[in-house]
Each structure stands twice: as structure tokens, then as C-alpha cells.
């Protein structure tokens, strides 16, 4: 049991420097790139919301029309 704990401590001691080294290799986006990407995501979300609202309205009217026709 003590050996397992010692082994875990050794592995953690190796892991943390490796993580730091990998983080240094990351190419972080600039502030401008981050802003442009964020705006792009919001614009696409609005377009998707409008599209699904339009499709939902059409389906709603079709179903109501079928129900009204069937209830006559």
C-alpha cells in the first residue's frame, strides 16, 4: 500500500512538468481572433434560431391544419 502511494507521488511529480511543457507548446489565439470567433458563433446561433423558428412555425400550422380538417 505504501509503495502504491509512493509510486503515485512519483508519477505526479513527472506529470506536472510534462503538462507545463505541453502548455508552452500551445499556440494561443490573439484577442482579435477570439473576438471574431465569438461573434461568428453568436451570428450562427441567431441564424439557426431563426431557421428553426421558421420550420417550427410551418410544422405547427401544418399539424393544426390537419387537426382542423380531421375534426370537421
Protein backbone atom coordinates (compact mmCIF):
# COMPACT_ATOMS: atom_id res chain seq x y z
CA UNK A 1 0.00 0.00 0.00
CA UNK A 2 2.83 2.37 0.86
CA UNK A 3 4.56 1.51 -2.42
CA UNK A 4 1.42 2.45 -4.37
CA UNK A 5 1.29 5.86 -2.69
CA UNK A 6 4.99 6.46 -3.36
CA UNK A 7 4.52 5.43 -6.99
CA UNK A 8 1.56 7.82 -7.37
CA UNK A 9 3.63 10.66 -5.91
CA UNK A 10 6.48 9.90 -8.36
CA UNK A 11 4.06 9.80 -11.30
CA UNK A 12 2.50 13.09 -10.25
CA UNK A 13 5.97 14.62 -9.94
CA UNK A 14 6.67 13.64 -13.56
CA UNK A 15 3.23 14.57 -14.85
CA UNK A 16 3.14 18.22 -13.77
CA UNK A 17 6.37 19.29 -15.59
CA UNK A 18 5.17 17.43 -18.70
CA UNK A 19 1.89 19.34 -18.60
CA UNK A 20 3.73 22.65 -18.26
CA UNK A 21 5.93 21.77 -21.23
CA UNK A 22 2.92 20.92 -23.38
CA UNK A 23 1.11 24.14 -22.40
CA UNK A 24 4.15 26.13 -23.57
CA UNK A 25 3.80 24.49 -26.99
CA UNK A 26 0.19 25.63 -27.41
CA UNK A 27 -0.41 28.42 -29.92
CA UNK A 28 -2.93 30.65 -28.21
CA UNK A 29 -5.27 32.76 -30.38
CA UNK A 30 -4.93 36.52 -30.31
CA UNK A 31 -7.58 38.70 -28.73
CA UNK A 32 -8.83 39.68 -32.21
CA UNK A 33 -9.11 36.04 -33.32
CA UNK A 34 -11.02 35.20 -30.15
CA UNK A 35 -13.43 38.09 -30.66
CA UNK A 36 -14.02 37.21 -34.33
CA UNK A 37 -14.69 33.57 -33.47
CA UNK A 38 -17.08 34.57 -30.68
CA UNK A 39 -19.01 36.92 -32.98
CA UNK A 40 -19.15 34.20 -35.65
CA UNK A 41 -20.60 31.70 -33.15
CA UNK A 42 -23.26 34.18 -31.99
CA UNK A 43 -24.24 35.06 -35.57
CA UNK A 44 -24.58 31.38 -36.48
CA UNK A 45 -26.62 30.75 -33.32
CA UNK A 46 -29.03 33.56 -34.28
CA UNK A 47 -29.32 32.24 -37.85
CA UNK A 48 -30.01 28.73 -36.55
CA UNK A 49 -32.63 30.07 -34.10
CA UNK A 50 -34.43 31.96 -36.87
CA UNK A 51 -34.32 28.92 -39.17
CA UNK A 52 -35.72 26.57 -36.52
CA UNK A 53 -38.39 29.11 -35.54
CA UNK A 54 -39.45 29.30 -39.21
CA UNK A 55 -39.52 25.49 -39.60
CA UNK A 56 -41.36 25.08 -36.29
CA UNK A 57 -44.00 27.61 -37.36
CA UNK A 58 -44.58 25.78 -40.65
CA UNK A 59 -44.87 22.40 -38.94
CA UNK A 60 -47.21 23.88 -36.30
CA UNK A 61 -49.51 25.32 -38.99
CA UNK A 62 -49.49 22.04 -40.94
CA UNK A 63 -50.40 19.99 -37.88
CA UNK A 64 -53.13 22.44 -36.85
CA UNK A 65 -54.49 22.34 -40.41
CA UNK A 66 -54.60 18.54 -40.35
CA UNK A 67 -56.29 18.52 -36.93
CA UNK A 68 -58.88 21.11 -38.07
CA UNK A 69 -59.55 19.14 -41.27
CA UNK A 70 -59.91 15.86 -39.37
CA UNK A 71 -62.27 17.36 -36.76
CA UNK A 72 -64.86 18.51 -39.33
